[in-house]
Amino acid sequence: MGNTKYILGSFADPDDMMHGIDKLQKNNVSIYDCFTPMPIHGIEAKLGVKPSRLPIAAFCFGALGTLLGFSLLYYTMVHDWPMNIGGKPSFAIPNFVPVTFEVTILICALGMVATFFYRNHLFPGRTPRVMDLRATDDRFIIAIDAHENTDHALIDTILKETGAVEVKYNDRKYVSYE
C-alpha cells in the first residue's frame, strides 16, 4: 500500500455518506474531497469548504461593464462626434442608462462564464478529472488522502461500518477514460 494515493469509500446512499463523513471527522481523519452525482445540502459546511468568492468577481465585472459602457457613450456622443439632436445636450445622462445597463450585464455575464471555466479548470480538450467513474452515475464517493492518513485499516473499518458498498485503494489521482 506504499503506492496508494487515495482511499475511496463508495456509498449507495447519501445519508450513509454523510454519516461516514461525521465518523471519519470524529476519528481525526482528514477528507480530501467528496464526489456525488447530485448536489447534497450541507456537505460544504460539513467538509469545511469556504464560501465562494464568485460574487466579488461578479461585482468587479459589473463595475468594469458599467465603466466601459458609460465611457463608450461619453466618447462617441460627447467627445468624438457631438450632435445636437432635438436641442438636447450632448451629455444627457438619462439617455446613457439603457446602453450602460446592457453593457454592464453583457460584460458581467461573459466575465462570470470565463471565471467559472478558469476556476474549475474546464478548458477545451481537457479530459475530465474523476476519481471514480460511478460518482457521476449512482455512487457517492469519499476520497481520503492516503499519505496524510496513515492508519488505512482504521479508515477501511470506519468506511465499512458506516455503509460503504466498496472501499478502493487508488494509485492514481484521477481515472482516465481510455
C-alpha atoms as a PDB file:
ATOM      1  CA  MET A   1       0.000   0.000   0.000  1.00  0.00           C
ATOM      2  CA  GLY A   2       3.003   2.305  -0.226  1.00  0.00           C
ATOM      3  CA  ASN A   3       1.952   3.396  -3.712  1.00  0.00           C
ATOM      4  CA  THR A   4      -1.629   4.204  -2.687  1.00  0.00           C
ATOM      5  CA  LYS A   5      -2.560   7.864  -3.110  1.00  0.00           C
ATOM      6  CA  TYR A   6      -6.256   7.832  -2.199  1.00  0.00           C
ATOM      7  CA  ILE A   7      -8.662   5.617  -0.315  1.00  0.00           C
ATOM      8  CA  LEU A   8     -12.103   5.780  -1.917  1.00  0.00           C
ATOM      9  CA  GLY A   9     -15.221   4.854   0.009  1.00  0.00           C
ATOM     10  CA  SER A  10     -18.160   4.235  -2.307  1.00  0.00           C
ATOM     11  CA  PHE A  11     -21.659   4.663  -0.862  1.00  0.00           C
ATOM     12  CA  ALA A  12     -25.041   3.868  -2.415  1.00  0.00           C
ATOM     13  CA  ASP A  13     -26.949   6.292  -0.167  1.00  0.00           C
ATOM     14  CA  PRO A  14     -26.153   9.970   0.545  1.00  0.00           C
ATOM     15  CA  ASP A  15     -27.223   9.648   4.190  1.00  0.00           C
ATOM     16  CA  ASP A  16     -24.696   6.854   4.708  1.00  0.00           C
ATOM     17  CA  MET A  17     -22.023   9.050   3.136  1.00  0.00           C
ATOM     18  CA  MET A  18     -22.874  11.959   5.454  1.00  0.00           C
ATOM     19  CA  HIS A  19     -22.719   9.578   8.433  1.00  0.00           C
ATOM     20  CA  GLY A  20     -19.345   8.355   7.127  1.00  0.00           C
ATOM     21  CA  ILE A  21     -18.055  11.935   6.952  1.00  0.00           C
ATOM     22  CA  ASP A  22     -19.113  12.517  10.576  1.00  0.00           C
ATOM     23  CA  LYS A  23     -17.490   9.303  11.781  1.00  0.00           C
ATOM     24  CA  LEU A  24     -14.237   9.980   9.888  1.00  0.00           C
ATOM     25  CA  GLN A  25     -14.026  13.508  11.274  1.00  0.00           C
ATOM     26  CA  LYS A  26     -14.642  12.239  14.828  1.00  0.00           C
ATOM     27  CA  ASN A  27     -11.618   9.960  14.358  1.00  0.00           C
ATOM     28  CA  ASN A  28      -9.477  12.876  13.057  1.00  0.00           C
ATOM     29  CA  VAL A  29      -9.290  11.529   9.508  1.00  0.00           C
ATOM     30  CA  SER A  30      -8.926  14.378   7.025  1.00  0.00           C
ATOM     31  CA  ILE A  31     -11.116  14.034   3.940  1.00  0.00           C
ATOM     32  CA  TYR A  32      -9.646  15.103   0.596  1.00  0.00           C
ATOM     33  CA  ASP A  33     -12.970  15.535  -1.238  1.00  0.00           C
ATOM     34  CA  CYS A  34     -16.389  14.055  -1.889  1.00  0.00           C
ATOM     35  CA  PHE A  35     -17.846  13.261  -5.307  1.00  0.00           C
ATOM     36  CA  THR A  36     -21.585  12.946  -5.772  1.00  0.00           C
ATOM     37  CA  PRO A  37     -23.908  12.579  -8.759  1.00  0.00           C
ATOM     38  CA  MET A  38     -26.174  15.340  -7.382  1.00  0.00           C
ATOM     39  CA  PRO A  39     -25.891  18.298  -5.011  1.00  0.00           C
ATOM     40  CA  ILE A  40     -26.186  17.397  -1.333  1.00  0.00           C
ATOM     41  CA  HIS A  41     -27.412  20.068   1.045  1.00  0.00           C
ATOM     42  CA  GLY A  42     -24.998  20.841   3.878  1.00  0.00           C
ATOM     43  CA  ILE A  43     -21.979  18.910   2.613  1.00  0.00           C
ATOM     44  CA  GLU A  44     -19.902  22.073   2.087  1.00  0.00           C
ATOM     45  CA  ALA A  45     -20.296  23.152   5.701  1.00  0.00           C
ATOM     46  CA  LYS A  46     -19.557  19.632   6.932  1.00  0.00           C
ATOM     47  CA  LEU A  47     -16.342  19.450   4.887  1.00  0.00           C
ATOM     48  CA  GLY A  48     -15.307  22.995   5.819  1.00  0.00           C
ATOM     49  CA  VAL A  49     -15.440  24.395   2.292  1.00  0.00           C
ATOM     50  CA  LYS A  50     -15.071  28.163   2.304  1.00  0.00           C
ATOM     51  CA  PRO A  51     -17.816  30.287   0.694  1.00  0.00           C
ATOM     52  CA  SER A  52     -17.265  31.122  -2.953  1.00  0.00           C
ATOM     53  CA  ARG A  53     -15.693  34.434  -3.932  1.00  0.00           C
ATOM     54  CA  LEU A  54     -17.554  34.493  -7.248  1.00  0.00           C
ATOM     55  CA  PRO A  55     -19.857  37.337  -6.083  1.00  0.00           C
ATOM     56  CA  ILE A  56     -16.774  39.543  -5.717  1.00  0.00           C
ATOM     57  CA  ALA A  57     -15.761  38.700  -9.297  1.00  0.00           C
ATOM     58  CA  ALA A  58     -19.328  39.429 -10.452  1.00  0.00           C
ATOM     59  CA  PHE A  59     -19.223  42.860  -8.837  1.00  0.00           C
ATOM     60  CA  CYS A  60     -15.842  43.621 -10.435  1.00  0.00           C
ATOM     61  CA  PHE A  61     -17.041  42.538 -13.878  1.00  0.00           C
ATOM     62  CA  GLY A  62     -20.239  44.565 -13.419  1.00  0.00           C
ATOM     63  CA  ALA A  63     -18.280  47.666 -12.422  1.00  0.00           C
ATOM     64  CA  LEU A  64     -15.991  47.165 -15.430  1.00  0.00           C
ATOM     65  CA  GLY A  65     -19.026  46.804 -17.711  1.00  0.00           C
ATOM     66  CA  THR A  66     -20.579  49.986 -16.314  1.00  0.00           C
ATOM     67  CA  LEU A  67     -17.345  51.890 -16.784  1.00  0.00           C
ATOM     68  CA  LEU A  68     -16.861  50.586 -20.331  1.00  0.00           C
ATOM     69  CA  GLY A  69     -20.472  51.251 -21.353  1.00  0.00           C
ATOM     70  CA  PHE A  70     -20.514  54.764 -19.964  1.00  0.00           C
ATOM     71  CA  SER A  71     -17.051  55.539 -21.403  1.00  0.00           C
ATOM     72  CA  LEU A  72     -18.083  54.286 -24.843  1.00  0.00           C
ATOM     73  CA  LEU A  73     -21.168  56.501 -24.881  1.00  0.00           C
ATOM     74  CA  TYR A  74     -19.357  59.502 -23.475  1.00  0.00           C
ATOM     75  CA  TYR A  75     -16.568  59.229 -26.037  1.00  0.00           C
ATOM     76  CA  THR A  76     -18.871  58.744 -29.028  1.00  0.00           C
ATOM     77  CA  MET A  77     -21.666  61.171 -28.061  1.00  0.00           C
ATOM     78  CA  VAL A  78     -19.737  63.973 -26.336  1.00  0.00           C
ATOM     79  CA  HIS A  79     -16.106  63.922 -27.368  1.00  0.00           C
ATOM     80  CA  ASP A  80     -15.740  62.325 -30.804  1.00  0.00           C
ATOM     81  CA  TRP A  81     -18.995  63.155 -32.621  1.00  0.00           C
ATOM     82  CA  PRO A  82     -21.205  65.578 -30.661  1.00  0.00           C
ATOM     83  CA  MET A  83     -24.585  66.103 -32.320  1.00  0.00           C
ATOM     84  CA  ASN A  84     -27.454  68.387 -31.471  1.00  0.00           C
ATOM     85  CA  ILE A  85     -30.468  66.071 -31.553  1.00  0.00           C
ATOM     86  CA  GLY A  86     -33.720  67.912 -30.915  1.00  0.00           C
ATOM     87  CA  GLY A  87     -31.986  70.586 -28.865  1.00  0.00           C
ATOM     88  CA  LYS A  88     -30.914  68.101 -26.200  1.00  0.00           C
ATOM     89  CA  PRO A  89     -27.464  68.408 -24.647  1.00  0.00           C
ATOM     90  CA  SER A  90     -24.767  66.009 -25.834  1.00  0.00           C
ATOM     91  CA  PHE A  91     -24.138  64.814 -22.293  1.00  0.00           C
ATOM     92  CA  ALA A  92     -27.624  63.677 -21.264  1.00  0.00           C
ATOM     93  CA  ILE A  93     -27.161  61.033 -18.578  1.00  0.00           C
ATOM     94  CA  PRO A  94     -30.713  59.568 -18.755  1.00  0.00           C
ATOM     95  CA  ASN A  95     -30.052  58.678 -22.396  1.00  0.00           C
ATOM     96  CA  PHE A  96     -26.915  56.799 -21.365  1.00  0.00           C
ATOM     97  CA  VAL A  97     -28.670  54.479 -18.861  1.00  0.00           C
ATOM     98  CA  PRO A  98     -30.089  51.756 -21.191  1.00  0.00           C
ATOM     99  CA  VAL A  99     -26.873  51.139 -23.120  1.00  0.00           C
ATOM    100  CA  THR A 100     -24.731  51.343 -19.975  1.00  0.00           C
ATOM    101  CA  PHE A 101     -27.015  48.810 -18.271  1.00  0.00           C
ATOM    102  CA  GLU A 102     -26.878  46.411 -21.226  1.00  0.00           C
ATOM    103  CA  VAL A 103     -23.083  46.584 -21.481  1.00  0.00           C
ATOM    104  CA  THR A 104     -22.853  46.028 -17.708  1.00  0.00           C
ATOM    105  CA  ILE A 105     -24.917  42.841 -17.949  1.00  0.00           C
ATOM    106  CA  LEU A 106     -23.005  41.630 -21.026  1.00  0.00           C
ATOM    107  CA  ILE A 107     -19.527  42.101 -19.514  1.00  0.00           C
ATOM    108  CA  CYS A 108     -20.639  40.642 -16.173  1.00  0.00           C
ATOM    109  CA  ALA A 109     -22.154  37.525 -17.788  1.00  0.00           C
ATOM    110  CA  LEU A 110     -19.201  36.866 -20.091  1.00  0.00           C
ATOM    111  CA  GLY A 111     -16.724  37.505 -17.286  1.00  0.00           C
ATOM    112  CA  MET A 112     -18.531  35.121 -14.941  1.00  0.00           C
ATOM    113  CA  VAL A 113     -18.568  32.359 -17.561  1.00  0.00           C
ATOM    114  CA  ALA A 114     -14.838  32.835 -18.169  1.00  0.00           C
ATOM    115  CA  THR A 115     -14.144  32.890 -14.412  1.00  0.00           C
ATOM    116  CA  PHE A 116     -16.193  29.736 -13.870  1.00  0.00           C
ATOM    117  CA  PHE A 117     -14.310  27.856 -16.590  1.00  0.00           C
ATOM    118  CA  TYR A 118     -10.937  29.100 -15.329  1.00  0.00           C
ATOM    119  CA  ARG A 119     -11.676  28.334 -11.680  1.00  0.00           C
ATOM    120  CA  ASN A 120     -12.904  24.800 -12.408  1.00  0.00           C
ATOM    121  CA  HIS A 121     -10.188  24.002 -14.962  1.00  0.00           C
ATOM    122  CA  LEU A 122     -12.729  23.396 -17.731  1.00  0.00           C
ATOM    123  CA  PHE A 123     -10.650  24.141 -20.769  1.00  0.00           C
ATOM    124  CA  PRO A 124     -11.433  22.845 -24.263  1.00  0.00           C
ATOM    125  CA  GLY A 125      -9.852  19.466 -24.929  1.00  0.00           C
ATOM    126  CA  ARG A 126      -9.157  18.700 -21.286  1.00  0.00           C
ATOM    127  CA  THR A 127     -10.009  15.214 -20.080  1.00  0.00           C
ATOM    128  CA  PRO A 128     -12.428  15.060 -17.150  1.00  0.00           C
ATOM    129  CA  ARG A 129     -10.909  14.605 -13.692  1.00  0.00           C
ATOM    130  CA  VAL A 130     -12.904  11.914 -11.922  1.00  0.00           C
ATOM    131  CA  MET A 131     -11.784   9.724  -9.016  1.00  0.00           C
ATOM    132  CA  ASP A 132     -14.358   7.012  -9.699  1.00  0.00           C
ATOM    133  CA  LEU A 133     -16.457   6.883 -12.849  1.00  0.00           C
ATOM    134  CA  ARG A 134     -19.553   5.778 -10.924  1.00  0.00           C
ATOM    135  CA  ALA A 135     -19.519   9.071  -8.978  1.00  0.00           C
ATOM    136  CA  THR A 136     -21.240  10.680 -11.957  1.00  0.00           C
ATOM    137  CA  ASP A 137     -23.897   7.975 -12.106  1.00  0.00           C
ATOM    138  CA  ASP A 138     -25.140   6.400  -8.890  1.00  0.00           C
ATOM    139  CA  ARG A 139     -22.394   6.363  -6.232  1.00  0.00           C
ATOM    140  CA  PHE A 140     -21.358   8.784  -3.517  1.00  0.00           C
ATOM    141  CA  ILE A 141     -17.589   8.801  -3.090  1.00  0.00           C
ATOM    142  CA  ILE A 142     -15.470   9.934  -0.145  1.00  0.00           C
ATOM    143  CA  ALA A 143     -11.823  10.385  -1.131  1.00  0.00           C
ATOM    144  CA  ILE A 144      -9.237  10.260   1.654  1.00  0.00           C
ATOM    145  CA  ASP A 145      -5.589  11.169   1.094  1.00  0.00           C
ATOM    146  CA  ALA A 146      -3.623   8.021   1.973  1.00  0.00           C
ATOM    147  CA  HIS A 147      -0.367   9.918   2.614  1.00  0.00           C
ATOM    148  CA  GLU A 148      -1.874  12.244   5.223  1.00  0.00           C
ATOM    149  CA  ASN A 149      -3.824   9.452   6.951  1.00  0.00           C
ATOM    150  CA  THR A 150      -1.548   6.506   7.580  1.00  0.00           C
ATOM    151  CA  ASP A 151      -3.902   4.184   9.514  1.00  0.00           C
ATOM    152  CA  HIS A 152      -5.500   2.573   6.468  1.00  0.00           C
ATOM    153  CA  ALA A 153      -7.055  -0.285   8.453  1.00  0.00           C
ATOM    154  CA  LEU A 154      -8.941   2.173  10.696  1.00  0.00           C
ATOM    155  CA  ILE A 155     -10.197   4.101   7.672  1.00  0.00           C
ATOM    156  CA  ASP A 156     -11.288   0.882   5.955  1.00  0.00           C
ATOM    157  CA  THR A 157     -13.164  -0.219   9.101  1.00  0.00           C
ATOM    158  CA  ILE A 158     -14.894   3.146   9.552  1.00  0.00           C
ATOM    159  CA  LEU A 159     -15.988   3.291   5.918  1.00  0.00           C
ATOM    160  CA  LYS A 160     -17.413  -0.247   6.009  1.00  0.00           C
ATOM    161  CA  GLU A 161     -19.154   0.354   9.369  1.00  0.00           C
ATOM    162  CA  THR A 162     -20.897   3.449   8.022  1.00  0.00           C
ATOM    163  CA  GLY A 163     -22.293   1.652   4.988  1.00  0.00           C
ATOM    164  CA  ALA A 164     -19.657   1.837   2.274  1.00  0.00           C
ATOM    165  CA  VAL A 165     -20.505  -0.583  -0.515  1.00  0.00           C
ATOM    166  CA  GLU A 166     -16.887  -0.700  -1.665  1.00  0.00           C
ATOM    167  CA  VAL A 167     -13.523   0.574  -0.445  1.00  0.00           C
ATOM    168  CA  LYS A 168     -10.830   1.017  -3.101  1.00  0.00           C
ATOM    169  CA  TYR A 169      -7.186   1.944  -2.830  1.00  0.00           C
ATOM    170  CA  ASN A 170      -6.325   4.228  -5.740  1.00  0.00           C
ATOM    171  CA  ASP A 171      -2.755   4.600  -7.005  1.00  0.00           C
ATOM    172  CA  ARG A 172      -3.585   7.493  -9.348  1.00  0.00           C
ATOM    173  CA  LYS A 173      -5.179  10.846  -8.650  1.00  0.00           C
ATOM    174  CA  TYR A 174      -7.745  10.600 -11.435  1.00  0.00           C
ATOM    175  CA  VAL A 175      -9.205   7.850 -13.562  1.00  0.00           C
ATOM    176  CA  SER A 176      -8.666   8.192 -17.306  1.00  0.00           C
ATOM    177  CA  TYR A 177     -11.372   7.336 -19.819  1.00  0.00           C
ATOM    178  CA  GLU A 178      -9.043   5.440 -22.164  1.00  0.00           C
END
